[in-house]
Amino acid sequence: MLSPEPCDLSFLLCLPDDVFGLVSRFLLPRDVCNLSLCCKSLYALGSSEKVWFTQCDMVGVVPQKDLVEWREGVSSYKSLCRFLLSVKPLLGIWVNQNPELGNLVYVMPGFVSVVGCRIIPQELGPLGIQDGPIQWSSVFEVIGDFDGSATFFLHGREEGMDYVYRGSVKYIDESCNVLLLEVQPREQDNGSNLLQSRSLDDSGGTISGKVCRSNSELSRFQKMGGNDEAMAPFSKLSFSDRRKLLEVTIGLLRQEVSSVAAGPLFPRLRDDCDNFQKDLVLLKERRAIFCEMNNLGSGQIDNEEVSQGAVGPMQLELDDIRKSCYWWKDISDLLNKEDGHIQCTKKKCLGGYLWGSFKQIVGRSSSINESHTIFRKLTARREIKHARLEDFLRSSDAIGLSLKASTVKLSSYRAWPNMPDTWFALYKMPLRVPSADQIYVGLWGGTFGWPPGIPSEDKPGKALFFLLLSYEESQEQKLLIATKILEGTHYVLHPNGSAMFIVDVNQPSSDPFPWDTNKDSFSVDITHSFTGEGISNGYGFRYPGSKPGTLFVFQNGILAFVWKDTRAVLTLQRLDLQDILKKGERVPSLPPINNFSYLTKSYSNVFTGFPGASTCLPSPR
């Protein structure tokens, strides 16, 4: 048996960077990193800018021209690749059940960043979807640091002013389907009893420092075992505690947005060369301001800053948090008093019970020992289901906002996930690429009426619908399901996530199309038609019914579903949201928490306060 020949690296090392860049297309980023660890010569080859430019291009987040421009904001293409790989799972369509008109957030590339944009429920003007300005508002952005790390900024509007709220990107799972807004304790610094805290002063500068644990906090931390395993996670807190903690944290973190920082979040289309270059200049200025404001890429904080008193009043110390939402100690002190008939005028929530009701129970008790017993039973009942806010707060001396992208097992019905109503979260909708056997999958948009896109005299605009089309196969059926994710009416007609129509693509229809011409007075050219059912009134709002109809496919790619009995028609065309948003019109955001995840049940348009509010559209029957 012949022994293997020794590996000769000379051939690999003599390859030009351009050639090795082409070879590296067959390697993953981790393979390039492992290759650079072999020896000094391969380290230089594996650190080549051209090699990592190729890797960035293979990630597929932005085209090559954008990569060259984004490179100016990071230290190297390797750092840029690190950022692109981390944020790629965020790209796409995210939704929430509330409000029922639709809560559609599309995450797309910005400038060395990704931006979450909410599509506003609206009417479609006479210019149509492709040419008319679609209204949207900003929700959040994740900005790439100089070394490729990511920083999270929540957007919001309070009292007529635009603010950003800085946080960390805790974790982004490659197959994430849930995006969570949380409050997380700061991590310990190299095992010492110091926690890092950063915030912004009113003048726009960065206030940085490290907060030492007090002796009492150290004692409690040691009692808990001195590790993170004993820490109560944010997700285990009750809904009221999580909301209160988010409100207080956001209130301390908010930073007013300057006129330059309020500029564009992404450039316009490259076809508009002049405006594209202007936007690029503004984006670079905006990024420079954010880097200066928030000290992006500056590394660790010097102890000298702490000794010189560089910790400002906006620093997120938990003493301030406890003053706002930590009331367990107040209740304990109240119960420890000798007077068993203490009056309390404020109502505070205690594990689902009102403090006023708890006072009446205490008043009927014959002794303070009975009060203690009742209190222990109530708190024990609360702790079975939820972690205590006290345990969460005492585990750290500094906290901050966190964006967490996780993979969670969720049940679904007809392509729409069942969403917990107490999570501050967005849920990802799979945006599949059309294939030979599933040619209609993807995002479609349109309006009711024929010809499509032409307003009538009594209705200057038509409600815009966004539908996500997907397939579901069972036995001999191959169903095409059109899930509603946005409805531009003033008051919702059908639940968010409803199937506007379902057709069997294996069952052709013989029904004729009701009209002979289109908006240009040309004859309609139909290539396919399928039998199915369209949504209609049912047993109340939550349980709509269905009636027979037909889906028609036209030569130009337009889809039209016609309800058989009423001849109501919903016309659809395939959408590219990124291009549409780049031509869109930005409108003010909601307050920060509601801006990320609107949890209040609503059947009307909560994104009002701007021109172009839509009117009600009759439901097809």
Foldseek 3Di string as FASTA:
>chain_A
DDDDDDDDCPVVLPDDLQVVLVVLLVPALVVLVVQLPPDVSSVVSSQDQSNLLSNQCSLPQDHSVLLVLLQVQADGSNLLSLQSQFCVLVAAWWWDQPAQQFFIWGWGDARQKIWTKTFFFFWAFLVGQQQDFTEIATAWMWHAFRRNAIKIWGWADDPRFTWIFTDHADGADNNFFKKFKFKAFFDDDPPDQKGWWWAFDQVLAIQTDIDGDDPVLVVVCVVLVVDPVSFFDRVQADLVLGVQLVVQQRVLHIHTADPLLPADRHFFDCVVVVRRVVSSVSNVVNVVSCCRSHVGPVDDDDNVCVVVPSHDPSIAFLVSVCVRRVCPVVVVVVLPDQDQQDDDDDWDDQLNDTVNVLNVVSNPDPGSVVNVVVVVVSNVVSCVRGPDPVSNSSNHGHMGIYIYGHHDDFDDDLQHTDDDLSTLIIGHRDADDADPVRNPFGKKKFFKDFLTSCDDPVFSTTGMWIWGWDWDDDDPFIKIFTFTRRINAFFADAGHRDGQKIWTQVAFDPDDQPDQAGPVRHGWAWDTKTKIWGWADDDDRHDTDIAIWMWTATPVGKIWIAHVPQRIIIIIHHDDVVNSNSSHDYDHAHGNSCRSPNSDHDRGRPPDPDPRRHHHDDDDD
